[in-house]
Amino acid sequence: MRSDAGRLVPAGLDGRRELIQAAAVLLTALFAAAMCCLIVYTNARSDMYVYRNGVRMLRPGAEFPYCADMAARSAPFFAAAALFMLYKLARYVSYHYQGSRSIYTMRRLPQRLELARRCLSLPLAGCLTSLLLFLALTALFCAVYLAVTPEEWIRPGQWEAVRRMILGR
């Protein structure tokens, strides 16, 4: 079975290898972000309590953080994955300017968008996938947050906080 991955990267590069590399970066970001969410949640949960005379008690006046504030801590992992994809874009463009891989040959091809397709496809798909993974992890984390957090700790406006985090308002 022949793979069309080679059509997504500059001629001469191993398309399958490039796809595996991009997928590995995205999966690493997803795993690290999920672990970050777990650690942030468990730390916030333990911060709700104080020990007095060896007895665990709810800290007076303690407020449990919004799920959006906790989920936002995972954003740098996906931003790093997106930056890696931008590095790939720069690498693909510069690849055509090295040695005998003439940029002029690519520009003279009958398919005018061949150069753009080979340079942009994988990096843009990777950036979009990184964004979608962040949104999916945020939604999943907030759903789990609402399911496992005691009712009295949940502050109103959780989904509004998520919307503000995503839209930046």
Protein backbone atom coordinates (compact mmCIF):
# COMPACT_ATOMS: atom_id res chain seq x y z
CA MET A 1 0.00 0.00 0.00
CA ARG A 2 1.51 3.30 -1.13
CA SER A 3 1.28 6.33 1.11
CA ASP A 4 0.51 9.81 -0.22
CA ALA A 5 2.39 11.39 2.67
CA GLY A 6 5.22 12.23 0.29
CA ARG A 7 2.95 14.71 -1.48
CA LEU A 8 2.59 16.73 1.75
CA VAL A 9 6.29 17.51 2.15
CA PRO A 10 9.00 18.82 -0.17
CA ALA A 11 10.26 16.36 -2.75
CA GLY A 12 13.21 14.47 -1.35
CA LEU A 13 11.96 14.31 2.23
CA ASP A 14 10.43 11.16 3.69
CA GLY A 15 6.74 12.04 4.07
CA ARG A 16 5.97 9.11 6.35
CA ARG A 17 8.81 10.06 8.68
CA GLU A 18 7.67 13.69 8.76
CA LEU A 19 4.09 12.64 9.59
CA ILE A 20 5.26 10.32 12.37
CA GLN A 21 7.42 13.08 13.79
CA ALA A 22 4.52 15.58 13.77
CA ALA A 23 2.15 13.03 15.32
CA ALA A 24 4.69 12.23 18.03
CA VAL A 25 5.02 15.92 18.92
CA LEU A 26 1.23 16.33 19.09
CA LEU A 27 0.74 13.19 21.18
CA THR A 28 3.54 14.24 23.54
CA ALA A 29 1.89 17.65 23.97
CA LEU A 30 -1.47 15.98 24.63
CA PHE A 31 0.00 13.59 27.21
CA ALA A 32 1.98 16.33 28.97
CA ALA A 33 -1.05 18.65 29.02
CA ALA A 34 -3.30 15.91 30.42
CA MET A 35 -0.77 15.18 33.16
CA CYS A 36 -0.52 18.91 33.86
CA CYS A 37 -4.32 19.14 34.25
CA LEU A 38 -4.28 16.18 36.62
CA ILE A 39 -1.49 17.63 38.74
CA VAL A 40 -3.06 21.10 38.85
CA TYR A 41 -6.43 19.63 39.88
CA THR A 42 -5.00 17.42 42.62
CA ASN A 43 -2.89 20.31 43.98
CA ALA A 44 -5.92 22.63 44.01
CA ARG A 45 -7.97 19.95 45.74
CA SER A 46 -5.33 19.43 48.44
CA ASP A 47 -5.04 23.22 48.91
CA MET A 48 -8.68 23.27 49.99
CA TYR A 49 -7.72 21.49 53.22
CA VAL A 50 -5.62 22.37 56.22
CA TYR A 51 -4.38 20.07 58.96
CA ARG A 52 -4.97 21.07 62.57
CA ASN A 53 -3.85 18.73 65.31
CA GLY A 54 -3.57 15.94 62.77
CA VAL A 55 -7.14 16.37 61.56
CA ARG A 56 -7.87 17.37 57.98
CA MET A 57 -10.33 20.26 57.82
CA LEU A 58 -11.72 22.39 55.03
CA ARG A 59 -9.74 25.61 54.89
CA PRO A 60 -11.94 28.53 56.01
CA GLY A 61 -12.75 30.90 53.15
CA ALA A 62 -11.02 28.71 50.55
CA GLU A 63 -12.33 28.94 47.00
CA PHE A 64 -11.79 26.21 44.47
CA PRO A 65 -10.36 27.61 41.18
CA TYR A 66 -12.38 27.74 37.98
CA CYS A 67 -11.85 24.81 35.61
CA ALA A 68 -10.80 27.30 32.91
CA ASP A 69 -7.99 28.62 35.10
CA MET A 70 -6.72 25.08 35.62
CA ALA A 71 -7.14 24.06 31.98
CA ALA A 72 -5.27 27.15 30.81
CA ARG A 73 -2.12 25.72 32.42
CA SER A 74 -2.02 23.13 29.62
CA ALA A 75 -1.91 25.74 26.83
CA PRO A 76 1.92 26.07 26.72
CA PHE A 77 2.27 22.42 25.70
CA PHE A 78 0.04 22.91 22.67
CA ALA A 79 1.71 26.24 21.89
CA ALA A 80 5.06 24.43 21.85
CA ALA A 81 3.63 21.87 19.41
CA ALA A 82 2.35 24.69 17.19
CA LEU A 83 5.77 26.36 17.31
CA PHE A 84 7.32 23.07 16.24
CA MET A 85 4.97 23.06 13.25
CA LEU A 86 6.05 26.61 12.38
CA TYR A 87 9.65 25.41 12.57
CA LYS A 88 8.70 22.68 10.08
CA LEU A 89 7.22 25.32 7.78
CA ALA A 90 10.44 27.34 7.86
CA ARG A 91 12.45 24.17 7.29
CA TYR A 92 10.32 23.16 4.29
CA VAL A 93 10.60 26.58 2.66
CA SER A 94 14.35 26.80 3.25
CA TYR A 95 14.75 23.25 1.92
CA HIS A 96 13.98 24.53 -1.59
CA TYR A 97 16.79 27.08 -1.41
CA GLN A 98 19.54 24.54 -0.65
CA GLY A 99 21.94 23.27 -3.27
CA SER A 100 20.40 21.78 -6.38
CA ARG A 101 16.83 21.85 -4.98
CA SER A 102 16.06 25.01 -6.86
CA ILE A 103 13.11 27.14 -5.86
CA TYR A 104 12.88 28.21 -9.50
CA THR A 105 12.13 24.64 -10.59
CA MET A 106 9.23 24.46 -8.13
CA ARG A 107 7.86 27.77 -9.35
CA ARG A 108 7.87 26.63 -12.99
CA LEU A 109 5.78 23.52 -12.38
CA PRO A 110 2.42 23.38 -14.21
CA GLN A 111 0.60 23.10 -10.87
CA ARG A 112 1.05 26.61 -9.55
CA LEU A 113 0.19 25.68 -5.96
CA GLU A 114 2.53 22.69 -5.72
CA LEU A 115 5.15 24.61 -3.72
CA ALA A 116 2.55 25.99 -1.30
CA ARG A 117 0.93 22.57 -0.87
CA ARG A 118 4.23 20.87 -0.14
CA CYS A 119 5.37 23.54 2.31
CA LEU A 120 2.10 24.41 4.07
CA SER A 121 0.05 21.19 4.28
CA LEU A 122 1.69 19.41 7.18
CA PRO A 123 2.58 22.49 9.30
CA LEU A 124 -0.89 24.05 8.99
CA ALA A 125 -2.61 20.74 9.68
CA GLY A 126 -0.37 20.31 12.72
CA CYS A 127 -1.18 23.79 14.05
CA LEU A 128 -4.89 23.21 13.55
CA THR A 129 -4.67 19.79 15.22
CA SER A 130 -2.83 21.36 18.15
CA LEU A 131 -5.61 23.90 18.59
CA LEU A 132 -8.32 21.24 18.32
CA LEU A 133 -6.54 19.02 20.84
CA PHE A 134 -6.34 21.94 23.28
CA LEU A 135 -10.06 22.66 22.88
CA ALA A 136 -10.98 18.99 23.25
CA LEU A 137 -8.79 18.54 26.33
CA THR A 138 -10.26 21.70 27.88
CA ALA A 139 -13.82 20.49 27.30
CA LEU A 140 -12.98 17.03 28.65
CA PHE A 141 -11.16 18.43 31.67
CA CYS A 142 -14.04 20.77 32.51
CA ALA A 143 -16.58 17.96 32.18
CA VAL A 144 -14.52 15.75 34.50
CA TYR A 145 -13.98 18.72 36.82
CA LEU A 146 -17.74 19.23 37.14
CA ALA A 147 -18.31 15.49 37.66
CA VAL A 148 -15.74 14.89 40.42
CA THR A 149 -15.63 18.22 42.26
CA PRO A 150 -17.93 18.44 45.29
CA GLU A 151 -21.01 20.50 44.49
CA GLU A 152 -20.35 23.10 47.22
CA TRP A 153 -16.90 23.88 45.77
CA ILE A 154 -18.12 24.65 42.25
CA ARG A 155 -18.40 28.37 41.69
CA PRO A 156 -21.03 29.66 39.26
CA GLY A 157 -20.03 30.68 35.75
CA GLN A 158 -17.68 27.80 34.92
CA TRP A 159 -18.56 27.63 31.21
CA GLU A 160 -18.46 31.43 30.93
CA ALA A 161 -14.90 31.32 32.26
CA VAL A 162 -14.03 28.66 29.67
CA ARG A 163 -15.51 30.81 26.89
CA ARG A 164 -13.51 33.84 28.09
CA MET A 165 -10.32 31.77 28.21
CA ILE A 166 -10.77 30.46 24.68
CA LEU A 167 -11.88 33.73 23.10
CA GLY A 168 -9.50 35.84 25.17
CA ARG A 169 -12.15 38.16 26.53
